[in-house]
Amino acid sequence: MTRAETAAALRDDDGAIRPEFLEHVREAIERKDAAALRAQVGDLHESDTGDLIEALDSELRPRLVELLGVSFDFTALTEVDDTVREEILDEVSSKVIAEGVRDLDSDDAAYILEDLPQQEQNEILEQLPPPERGALERILHYPEGTAGRRMQTEFIAVPPSWTVGDAIDHLRETADLPDRFYELYVTDDGRKLLGAVALDRLLRTNRPVPVADLMDPDHRRVRATEDLEAVARMFERYNLVAAPVVDDGERLVGVLTFDDIVDVIEEEAEEDIRALGGVSAWEELADSVWTIARSRFNWLLINLATAFLASSVLGLFEGSLEKMVALAVLAPIVASQGGNATTQTMTVAVRALATSELTDSNAMRVIVRELLVGLVNGLAFAVITGVAAWAWFRVPGLGIVIGLAMICNLLAAGLGGILIPLALNRMKFDPAVASTPFVTTVTDVVGFFSFLAIATVWFGLK
């Protein structure tokens, strides 16, 4: 069965794993039928294998790896949740892991090993041949979140004295080359990066031409200690396919490719989305109930404290609420509409800060824009809620009161949604993590206070 046929048997028309395929795999694992298991999943793409692993019960996952043996592609472990990968690695012997990662690209091998305890890392590294061990140790030496931690150390470097013909012959005759590459790098005797040559340009040039005449000495390069978010923005800005990674001495130590950067962009976007919802960036679907509950508890506690603060505003107008029940019914509408509006503004602001689109140079323009958006929407919803409130309660003036409060709160929502993330970012706090409780508190407090204060003055309540 070809890989395409196996993938077709795995998934239905909606892309979900077929229950019957999953059941066959379960039965093969329980029977310890390695031959049947290899026939079913041995030719799957690593991404499909990763999805299959996550669909299996936790106790069957390490048994799948062990039964497949050398047929199991350990790259599949880069496609699963961190929790799932750690559970599998805890159950599989260090010898099996060492055999599995030795043939992987260095960046994939490092990704699998990086979350293991140092002692387990050392046990696995000791079982690898010196070249592979040295490459992985160099990658794991760099801090998490840096380019050096995600780079692969397999690359093609040639001296400037070579011709195009020399380089092409080298590519044809050398067996130990990266599986995929897009550029050649020109280095001196000390491995200092001199420039890069795109593969398509190399193949379109006559053989006698020196490589030095083709190279781009100003090709964008990445420092091994550079933050991955900044590197991802550089790839996006300049439409890069690959970029060389250099150390502080400008020596070539690795390469980053676009597939690594796609993963980084996806991870950062997911982290921001989770943070906006008050969810830990490390929460996974495979986590236990206790782990998830504990990680979410702190933000819920903060939100509870801010909710008490907002509710205390109602206590200031207890007399007004007792005299006009309609105020108690309508007050949450004003606060809720402000909360929704500020979430919209905050989401745009946080994402713009994360991608460096919102800077000091354009901050004032964006602030004014959001203020005007709040004013326009405030006027529109003032009319809508004013008419609805009058039709509901038939109280003269109530529509005007809630309309004025709606304008005040949507203006506050526009300002709070942009100013609070900017202020937190200026103070070196992550606005994605810390903005939500502050901005919702602002709109709740302003919403309750403006509505009840205007109503108290308008109706002469005390």
Protein backbone atom coordinates (compact mmCIF):
# COMPACT_ATOMS: atom_id res chain seq x y z
CA MET A 1 0.00 0.00 0.00
CA THR A 2 1.41 3.41 -0.97
CA ARG A 3 1.63 6.34 1.45
CA ALA A 4 -1.28 8.06 -0.32
CA GLU A 5 -3.42 4.90 -0.08
CA THR A 6 -2.56 4.50 3.61
CA ALA A 7 -3.46 8.13 4.30
CA ALA A 8 -6.78 7.66 2.45
CA ALA A 9 -7.56 4.62 4.59
CA LEU A 10 -6.69 6.61 7.73
CA ARG A 11 -8.93 9.64 7.21
CA ASP A 12 -12.52 10.20 6.14
CA ASP A 13 -13.73 12.94 3.79
CA ASP A 14 -13.68 15.50 6.62
CA GLY A 15 -10.06 14.71 7.51
CA ALA A 16 -10.91 12.90 10.75
CA ILE A 17 -9.36 9.54 11.61
CA ARG A 18 -11.70 6.70 10.66
CA PRO A 19 -12.93 4.78 13.74
CA GLU A 20 -12.47 1.43 11.98
CA PHE A 21 -8.84 2.22 11.14
CA LEU A 22 -8.19 3.21 14.75
CA GLU A 23 -9.82 0.02 15.97
CA HIS A 24 -7.63 -2.13 13.69
CA VAL A 25 -4.54 -0.41 15.06
CA ARG A 26 -5.70 -0.98 18.64
CA GLU A 27 -6.27 -4.68 17.94
CA ALA A 28 -2.84 -5.07 16.34
CA ILE A 29 -1.17 -3.44 19.36
CA GLU A 30 -3.08 -5.61 21.84
CA ARG A 31 -2.16 -8.76 19.85
CA LYS A 32 1.46 -7.54 19.67
CA ASP A 33 1.25 -8.10 15.92
CA ALA A 34 4.18 -6.00 14.73
CA ALA A 35 3.87 -7.16 11.11
CA ALA A 36 0.21 -6.10 10.87
CA LEU A 37 1.00 -2.80 12.57
CA ARG A 38 3.81 -2.02 10.13
CA ALA A 39 1.52 -2.86 7.21
CA GLN A 40 -1.12 -0.46 8.54
CA VAL A 41 0.87 2.54 9.72
CA GLY A 42 4.49 2.01 8.68
CA ASP A 43 4.13 4.16 5.55
CA LEU A 44 2.15 7.01 7.09
CA HIS A 45 3.46 10.57 6.90
CA GLU A 46 4.83 11.69 10.26
CA SER A 47 1.99 14.20 10.66
CA ASP A 48 -0.61 11.46 10.16
CA THR A 49 1.28 9.21 12.57
CA GLY A 50 1.23 12.01 15.14
CA ASP A 51 -2.54 12.39 14.84
CA LEU A 52 -2.95 8.62 15.15
CA ILE A 53 -0.82 8.55 18.31
CA GLU A 54 -2.93 11.27 19.93
CA ALA A 55 -6.12 9.37 19.06
CA LEU A 56 -4.88 6.22 20.83
CA ASP A 57 -5.32 5.54 24.53
CA SER A 58 -2.31 6.65 26.56
CA GLU A 59 -1.22 3.12 27.50
CA LEU A 60 -1.14 2.04 23.82
CA ARG A 61 1.11 4.85 22.59
CA PRO A 62 4.50 3.61 23.86
CA ARG A 63 3.58 0.08 22.82
CA LEU A 64 3.01 1.32 19.28
CA VAL A 65 6.50 2.84 19.22
CA GLU A 66 8.13 -0.32 20.56
CA LEU A 67 6.26 -2.67 18.22
CA LEU A 68 7.12 -0.63 15.13
CA GLY A 69 10.78 -0.57 16.13
CA VAL A 70 13.00 0.81 13.34
CA SER A 71 9.88 1.38 11.21
CA PHE A 72 8.69 4.09 13.59
CA ASP A 73 9.63 7.58 12.38
CA PHE A 74 10.48 9.57 15.50
CA THR A 75 9.73 12.78 13.59
CA ALA A 76 6.09 11.96 14.40
CA LEU A 77 6.81 12.92 18.02
CA THR A 78 7.35 16.52 16.91
CA GLU A 79 3.73 16.53 15.70
CA VAL A 80 2.06 15.65 19.02
CA ASP A 81 1.26 17.66 22.15
CA ASP A 82 4.12 18.10 24.60
CA THR A 83 2.27 16.11 27.24
CA VAL A 84 1.77 13.15 24.90
CA ARG A 85 5.41 13.20 23.82
CA GLU A 86 6.67 13.30 27.40
CA GLU A 87 4.41 10.39 28.40
CA ILE A 88 5.76 8.28 25.53
CA LEU A 89 9.39 9.13 26.22
CA ASP A 90 8.93 8.27 29.91
CA GLU A 91 7.81 4.75 28.94
CA VAL A 92 10.30 4.06 26.13
CA SER A 93 13.88 3.03 26.94
CA SER A 94 16.76 5.45 26.33
CA LYS A 95 18.25 2.96 23.86
CA VAL A 96 15.11 3.02 21.70
CA ILE A 97 15.03 6.83 21.82
CA ALA A 98 18.72 7.08 20.89
CA GLU A 99 18.21 4.78 17.91
CA GLY A 100 15.15 6.76 16.87
CA VAL A 101 16.68 10.25 16.97
CA ARG A 102 20.10 9.46 15.49
CA ASP A 103 18.78 9.58 11.92
CA LEU A 104 16.61 12.68 12.38
CA ASP A 105 17.51 16.20 11.36
CA SER A 106 19.28 17.81 14.28
CA ASP A 107 16.52 20.36 14.89
CA ASP A 108 13.86 17.63 15.14
CA ALA A 109 16.04 15.51 17.42
CA ALA A 110 16.70 18.48 19.70
CA TYR A 111 12.98 19.32 19.79
CA ILE A 112 12.22 15.81 21.05
CA LEU A 113 14.96 15.79 23.68
CA GLU A 114 14.77 19.35 25.00
CA ASP A 115 12.00 18.79 27.57
CA LEU A 116 13.55 15.66 29.08
CA PRO A 117 15.33 15.89 32.44
CA GLN A 118 19.06 16.56 32.09
CA GLN A 119 19.99 13.09 33.32
CA GLU A 120 17.82 11.39 30.68
CA GLN A 121 19.19 13.71 28.00
CA ASN A 122 22.73 12.72 28.96
CA GLU A 123 21.89 9.00 28.89
CA ILE A 124 20.50 9.31 25.36
CA LEU A 125 23.30 11.56 24.09
CA GLU A 126 25.96 9.14 25.37
CA GLN A 127 24.54 6.44 23.10
CA LEU A 128 24.84 8.56 19.95
CA PRO A 129 27.90 8.70 17.65
CA PRO A 130 30.19 11.69 18.41
CA PRO A 131 29.15 13.84 15.39
CA GLU A 132 25.42 13.57 16.14
CA ARG A 133 26.02 13.98 19.87
CA GLY A 134 28.11 17.11 19.37
CA ALA A 135 25.52 18.70 17.09
CA LEU A 136 22.70 18.09 19.56
CA GLU A 137 24.73 19.33 22.51
CA ARG A 138 25.43 22.58 20.65
CA ILE A 139 21.74 23.10 19.91
CA LEU A 140 20.59 22.25 23.44
CA HIS A 141 23.21 24.62 24.85
CA TYR A 142 21.29 27.62 23.48
CA PRO A 143 18.41 29.02 25.58
CA GLU A 144 14.85 28.05 24.75
CA GLY A 145 13.17 30.54 22.43
CA THR A 146 16.35 31.43 20.55
CA ALA A 147 17.30 30.72 16.94
CA GLY A 148 20.09 28.40 18.04
CA ARG A 149 17.60 26.09 19.76
CA ARG A 150 15.54 25.68 16.54
CA MET A 151 18.31 25.59 13.94
CA GLN A 152 19.52 22.49 12.18
CA THR A 153 23.26 21.95 11.97
CA GLU A 154 23.10 20.17 8.60
CA PHE A 155 24.00 22.65 5.87
CA ILE A 156 26.23 22.93 2.79
CA ALA A 157 29.23 25.25 3.04
CA VAL A 158 31.80 25.71 0.27
CA PRO A 159 35.01 27.78 0.03
CA PRO A 160 35.05 30.94 -2.13
CA SER A 161 37.73 29.42 -4.38
CA TRP A 162 35.32 26.82 -5.76
CA THR A 163 33.62 27.18 -9.12
CA VAL A 164 30.00 26.44 -9.89
CA GLY A 165 31.13 23.12 -11.38
CA ASP A 166 32.97 22.19 -8.18
CA ALA A 167 29.86 22.93 -6.11
CA ILE A 168 27.54 20.93 -8.38
CA ASP A 169 29.90 17.95 -8.40
CA HIS A 170 30.07 18.12 -4.61
CA LEU A 171 26.26 18.03 -4.41
CA ARG A 172 26.08 15.04 -6.75
CA GLU A 173 28.86 12.98 -5.23
CA THR A 174 28.46 13.60 -1.48
CA ALA A 175 26.14 11.18 0.24
CA ASP A 176 25.89 12.92 3.62
CA LEU A 177 23.88 16.01 2.67
CA PRO A 178 20.74 17.53 4.20
CA ASP A 179 17.52 15.96 2.94
CA ARG A 180 16.36 19.34 1.64
CA PHE A 181 18.27 22.55 1.11
CA TYR A 182 17.67 25.82 -0.69
CA GLU A 183 20.97 27.65 -0.42
CA LEU A 184 24.71 27.07 -0.32
CA TYR A 185 26.82 29.08 2.07
CA VAL A 186 30.28 30.41 1.33
CA THR A 187 32.70 30.36 4.27
CA ASP A 188 36.40 30.99 4.78
CA ASP A 189 38.86 28.61 6.43
CA GLY A 190 37.62 29.67 9.89
CA ARG A 191 33.96 28.93 9.00
CA LYS A 192 33.19 32.65 8.93
CA LEU A 193 30.14 33.27 6.76
CA LEU A 194 30.98 35.29 3.63
CA GLY A 195 27.70 35.02 1.77
CA ALA A 196 24.98 32.76 0.37
CA VAL A 197 24.14 31.38 -3.08
CA ALA A 198 20.57 30.43 -3.95
CA LEU A 199 20.30 26.94 -5.42
CA ASP A 200 18.35 28.10 -8.48
CA ARG A 201 21.01 30.69 -9.30
CA LEU A 202 23.76 28.10 -8.95
CA LEU A 203 22.08 25.71 -11.39
CA ARG A 204 21.50 28.45 -13.97
CA THR A 205 25.15 29.55 -14.08
CA ASN A 206 27.96 28.13 -16.22
CA ARG A 207 30.33 25.72 -14.50
CA PRO A 208 33.56 27.81 -14.73
CA VAL A 209 32.09 30.80 -12.86
CA PRO A 210 33.54 31.21 -9.33
CA VAL A 211 31.06 30.76 -6.52
CA ALA A 212 32.37 33.98 -4.97
CA ASP A 213 30.98 35.91 -7.96
CA LEU A 214 27.50 34.52 -7.33
CA MET A 215 27.22 34.87 -3.58
CA ASP A 216 25.19 37.56 -1.89
CA PRO A 217 27.45 38.98 0.84
CA ASP A 218 24.53 40.92 2.36
CA HIS A 219 22.26 37.87 2.65
CA ARG A 220 20.20 38.17 5.81
CA ARG A 221 21.61 36.13 8.64
CA VAL A 222 20.41 35.29 12.13
CA ARG A 223 22.30 35.36 15.41
CA ALA A 224 22.10 32.07 17.30
CA THR A 225 21.04 33.98 20.43
CA GLU A 226 18.36 36.01 18.63
CA ASP A 227 14.75 35.72 19.78
CA LEU A 228 12.66 33.44 17.57
CA GLU A 229 9.76 35.90 17.40
CA ALA A 230 12.05 38.51 15.86
CA VAL A 231 13.43 35.92 13.43
CA ALA A 232 9.89 34.91 12.41
CA ARG A 233 9.03 38.55 11.68
CA MET A 234 12.18 38.81 9.55
CA PHE A 235 11.20 35.73 7.52
CA GLU A 236 7.71 37.14 7.04
CA ARG A 237 8.91 40.63 6.14
CA TYR A 238 11.50 39.55 3.57
CA ASN A 239 9.80 36.36 2.29
CA LEU A 240 12.77 34.19 3.24
CA VAL A 241 12.94 30.48 2.55
CA ALA A 242 16.06 29.88 4.65
CA ALA A 243 18.54 31.90 6.68
CA PRO A 244 22.02 31.04 7.97
CA VAL A 245 22.61 31.10 11.72
CA VAL A 246 25.88 32.53 12.99
CA ASP A 247 27.53 32.82 16.40
CA ASP A 248 29.01 35.97 17.91
CA GLY A 249 32.13 35.51 15.78
CA GLU A 250 30.10 35.40 12.54
CA ARG A 251 30.92 31.70 12.17
CA LEU A 252 28.26 29.60 10.46
CA VAL A 253 26.72 27.20 12.98
CA GLY A 254 23.38 26.23 11.44
CA VAL A 255 20.43 27.14 9.27
CA LEU A 256 16.76 27.97 9.84
CA THR A 257 14.17 27.07 7.19
CA PHE A 258 10.65 28.29 6.61
CA ASP A 259 9.05 25.09 7.99
CA ASP A 260 10.68 25.84 11.36
CA ILE A 261 9.40 29.41 11.23
CA VAL A 262 5.85 28.35 10.39
CA ASP A 263 5.86 26.32 13.61
CA VAL A 264 7.16 29.34 15.55
CA ILE A 265 4.46 31.64 14.14
CA GLU A 266 1.76 29.09 14.93
CA GLU A 267 3.05 28.59 18.48
CA GLU A 268 3.23 32.34 19.17
CA ALA A 269 -0.26 32.94 17.79
CA GLU A 270 -1.65 30.08 19.87
CA GLU A 271 0.15 31.40 22.95
CA ASP A 272 -1.39 34.87 22.49
CA ILE A 273 -4.87 33.44 21.99
CA ARG A 274 -4.58 31.31 25.11
CA ALA A 275 -3.22 34.21 27.14
CA LEU A 276 -6.12 36.46 26.12
CA GLY A 277 -8.47 33.83 27.48
CA GLY A 278 -6.54 33.46 30.73
CA VAL A 279 -5.31 29.98 29.78
CA SER A 280 -1.75 28.81 30.31
CA ALA A 281 0.38 28.80 27.16
CA TRP A 282 1.46 25.25 28.03
CA GLU A 283 -2.01 23.76 28.47
CA GLU A 284 -2.61 20.77 26.20
CA LEU A 285 -5.68 18.68 25.40
CA ALA A 286 -3.91 15.67 26.87
CA ASP A 287 -3.36 17.31 30.28
CA SER A 288 -5.09 15.89 33.35
CA VAL A 289 -8.09 17.52 35.02
CA TRP A 290 -6.00 18.55 38.04
CA THR A 291 -3.26 20.12 35.87
CA ILE A 292 -5.74 22.18 33.86
CA ALA A 293 -7.77 23.25 36.90
CA ARG A 294 -4.63 24.36 38.75
CA SER A 295 -3.32 26.36 35.77
CA ARG A 296 -6.62 28.19 35.30
CA PHE A 297 -7.29 28.87 38.99
CA ASN A 298 -5.06 31.94 39.39
CA TRP A 299 -6.65 33.92 36.56
CA LEU A 300 -10.13 33.00 37.73
CA LEU A 301 -9.18 34.25 41.20
CA ILE A 302 -8.00 37.57 39.75
CA ASN A 303 -11.19 37.88 37.71
CA LEU A 304 -13.23 37.20 40.86
CA ALA A 305 -11.45 40.03 42.66
CA THR A 306 -12.10 42.45 39.78
CA ALA A 307 -15.76 41.32 39.66
CA PHE A 308 -16.14 42.27 43.35
CA LEU A 309 -14.61 45.66 42.53
CA ALA A 310 -17.12 46.23 39.74
CA SER A 311 -20.01 45.04 41.90
CA SER A 312 -19.00 47.46 44.66
CA VAL A 313 -20.00 50.28 42.31
CA LEU A 314 -23.58 49.01 42.51
CA GLY A 315 -23.44 49.43 46.28
CA LEU A 316 -22.85 53.16 45.83
CA PHE A 317 -26.27 53.45 44.19
CA GLU A 318 -28.22 51.07 46.38
CA GLY A 319 -30.92 53.65 47.01
CA SER A 320 -31.40 54.40 43.34
CA LEU A 321 -31.68 50.70 42.51
CA GLU A 322 -34.34 50.22 45.21
CA LYS A 323 -36.46 53.07 43.81
CA MET A 324 -36.23 52.00 40.16
CA VAL A 325 -35.91 48.28 39.45
CA ALA A 326 -35.39 48.97 35.74
CA LEU A 327 -31.89 50.26 36.55
CA ALA A 328 -30.86 46.89 37.99
CA VAL A 329 -32.16 45.15 34.89
CA LEU A 330 -30.43 47.44 32.39
CA ALA A 331 -27.08 48.11 34.13
CA PRO A 332 -25.51 44.75 33.10
CA ILE A 333 -26.36 45.50 29.45
CA VAL A 334 -24.22 48.64 29.46
CA ALA A 335 -21.32 46.87 31.19
CA SER A 336 -21.54 43.82 28.94
CA GLN A 337 -21.56 45.85 25.74
CA GLY A 338 -18.49 47.74 26.93
CA GLY A 339 -16.74 44.47 27.76
CA ASN A 340 -17.37 43.10 24.28
CA ALA A 341 -16.15 46.30 22.63
CA THR A 342 -12.96 46.46 24.69
CA THR A 343 -12.20 42.80 23.92
CA GLN A 344 -12.31 43.65 20.21
CA THR A 345 -9.93 46.58 20.65
CA MET A 346 -7.65 44.70 23.01
CA THR A 347 -7.34 41.71 20.64
CA VAL A 348 -6.26 43.95 17.78
CA ALA A 349 -3.83 45.87 20.01
CA VAL A 350 -2.20 42.80 21.55
CA ARG A 351 -1.70 41.15 18.18
CA ALA A 352 -0.28 44.36 16.70
CA LEU A 353 2.18 44.63 19.60
CA ALA A 354 3.20 40.99 19.19
CA THR A 355 3.98 41.53 15.50
CA SER A 356 5.62 44.95 16.09
CA GLU A 357 3.01 46.67 13.89
CA LEU A 358 1.99 48.93 16.79
CA THR A 359 4.94 51.14 17.73
CA ASP A 360 5.60 54.52 19.32
CA SER A 361 5.52 56.13 15.87
CA ASN A 362 1.92 55.17 15.11
CA ALA A 363 0.50 54.68 18.62
CA MET A 364 -1.23 58.07 18.78
CA ARG A 365 -2.92 57.54 15.42
CA VAL A 366 -4.22 54.15 16.53
CA ILE A 367 -5.43 55.56 19.86
CA VAL A 368 -7.39 58.32 18.11
CA ARG A 369 -8.80 55.79 15.63
CA GLU A 370 -10.04 53.49 18.40
CA LEU A 371 -11.52 56.46 20.28
CA LEU A 372 -13.46 57.49 17.16
CA VAL A 373 -14.58 53.89 16.59
CA GLY A 374 -15.88 53.84 20.17
CA LEU A 375 -17.72 57.14 19.58
CA VAL A 376 -19.37 55.95 16.35
CA ASN A 377 -20.47 52.63 17.83
CA GLY A 378 -21.49 54.37 21.04
CA LEU A 379 -23.84 56.70 19.18
CA ALA A 380 -25.29 53.82 17.17
CA PHE A 381 -25.94 51.62 20.19
CA ALA A 382 -27.18 54.58 22.20
CA VAL A 383 -30.07 54.89 19.75
CA ILE A 384 -30.70 51.11 19.66
CA THR A 385 -30.62 50.53 23.43
CA GLY A 386 -32.45 53.79 24.14
CA VAL A 387 -35.40 52.81 21.96
CA ALA A 388 -35.39 49.26 23.37
CA ALA A 389 -35.30 50.49 27.00
CA TRP A 390 -38.17 52.93 26.44
CA ALA A 391 -40.26 50.27 24.66
CA TRP A 392 -39.58 47.78 27.46
CA PHE A 393 -40.23 49.89 30.58
CA ARG A 394 -42.15 52.90 29.20
CA VAL A 395 -40.24 55.19 31.58
CA PRO A 396 -39.75 58.70 30.16
CA GLY A 397 -36.07 59.63 29.95
CA LEU A 398 -34.78 56.09 30.58
CA GLY A 399 -33.81 55.71 26.92
CA ILE A 400 -31.74 58.91 27.07
CA VAL A 401 -30.00 57.79 30.27
CA ILE A 402 -28.94 54.40 28.94
CA GLY A 403 -27.95 55.98 25.61
CA LEU A 404 -25.60 58.45 27.31
CA ALA A 405 -24.14 55.66 29.46
CA MET A 406 -23.59 53.52 26.37
CA ILE A 407 -21.62 56.33 24.70
CA CYS A 408 -19.48 56.81 27.82
CA ASN A 409 -18.72 53.12 28.18
CA LEU A 410 -17.86 52.47 24.53
CA LEU A 411 -15.50 55.45 24.59
CA ALA A 412 -13.90 53.98 27.72
CA ALA A 413 -13.74 50.59 25.99
CA GLY A 414 -11.88 52.05 23.02
CA LEU A 415 -9.38 53.88 25.21
CA GLY A 416 -8.91 51.07 27.72
CA GLY A 417 -8.55 48.41 25.05
CA ILE A 418 -5.60 50.22 23.47
CA LEU A 419 -4.01 52.14 26.35
CA ILE A 420 -3.81 49.26 28.83
CA PRO A 421 -1.92 46.87 26.45
CA LEU A 422 0.40 49.76 25.47
CA ALA A 423 1.10 50.59 29.12
CA LEU A 424 1.75 46.96 30.06
CA ASN A 425 4.04 46.53 27.07
CA ARG A 426 5.96 49.67 28.06
CA MET A 427 6.39 48.23 31.57
CA LYS A 428 7.79 44.99 30.04
CA PHE A 429 4.76 42.89 30.98
CA ASP A 430 3.18 40.60 28.39
CA PRO A 431 -0.01 42.44 27.36
CA ALA A 432 -1.60 39.21 26.12
CA VAL A 433 -1.38 37.73 29.61
CA ALA A 434 -2.17 40.74 31.78
CA SER A 435 -4.60 42.90 29.78
CA THR A 436 -7.88 41.00 30.10
CA PRO A 437 -8.69 41.47 33.82
CA PHE A 438 -7.75 45.16 33.70
CA VAL A 439 -9.75 46.12 30.61
CA THR A 440 -12.86 44.21 31.67
CA THR A 441 -12.71 45.87 35.09
CA VAL A 442 -12.50 49.30 33.45
CA THR A 443 -15.58 48.74 31.30
CA ASP A 444 -17.57 47.14 34.14
CA VAL A 445 -16.79 49.99 36.52
CA VAL A 446 -17.35 52.72 33.94
CA GLY A 447 -20.49 51.01 32.66
CA PHE A 448 -22.15 50.63 36.05
CA PHE A 449 -21.02 54.01 37.36
CA SER A 450 -21.92 56.06 34.28
CA PHE A 451 -25.37 54.49 33.93
CA LEU A 452 -26.33 54.72 37.58
CA ALA A 453 -24.81 58.15 38.11
CA ILE A 454 -26.57 59.63 35.08
CA ALA A 455 -29.84 57.95 36.15
CA THR A 456 -29.52 59.29 39.71
CA VAL A 457 -29.02 62.85 38.45
CA TRP A 458 -31.66 62.60 35.70
CA PHE A 459 -34.42 61.16 37.86
CA GLY A 460 -33.37 62.93 41.07
CA LEU A 461 -32.87 59.61 42.89
CA LYS A 462 -30.98 59.42 46.18
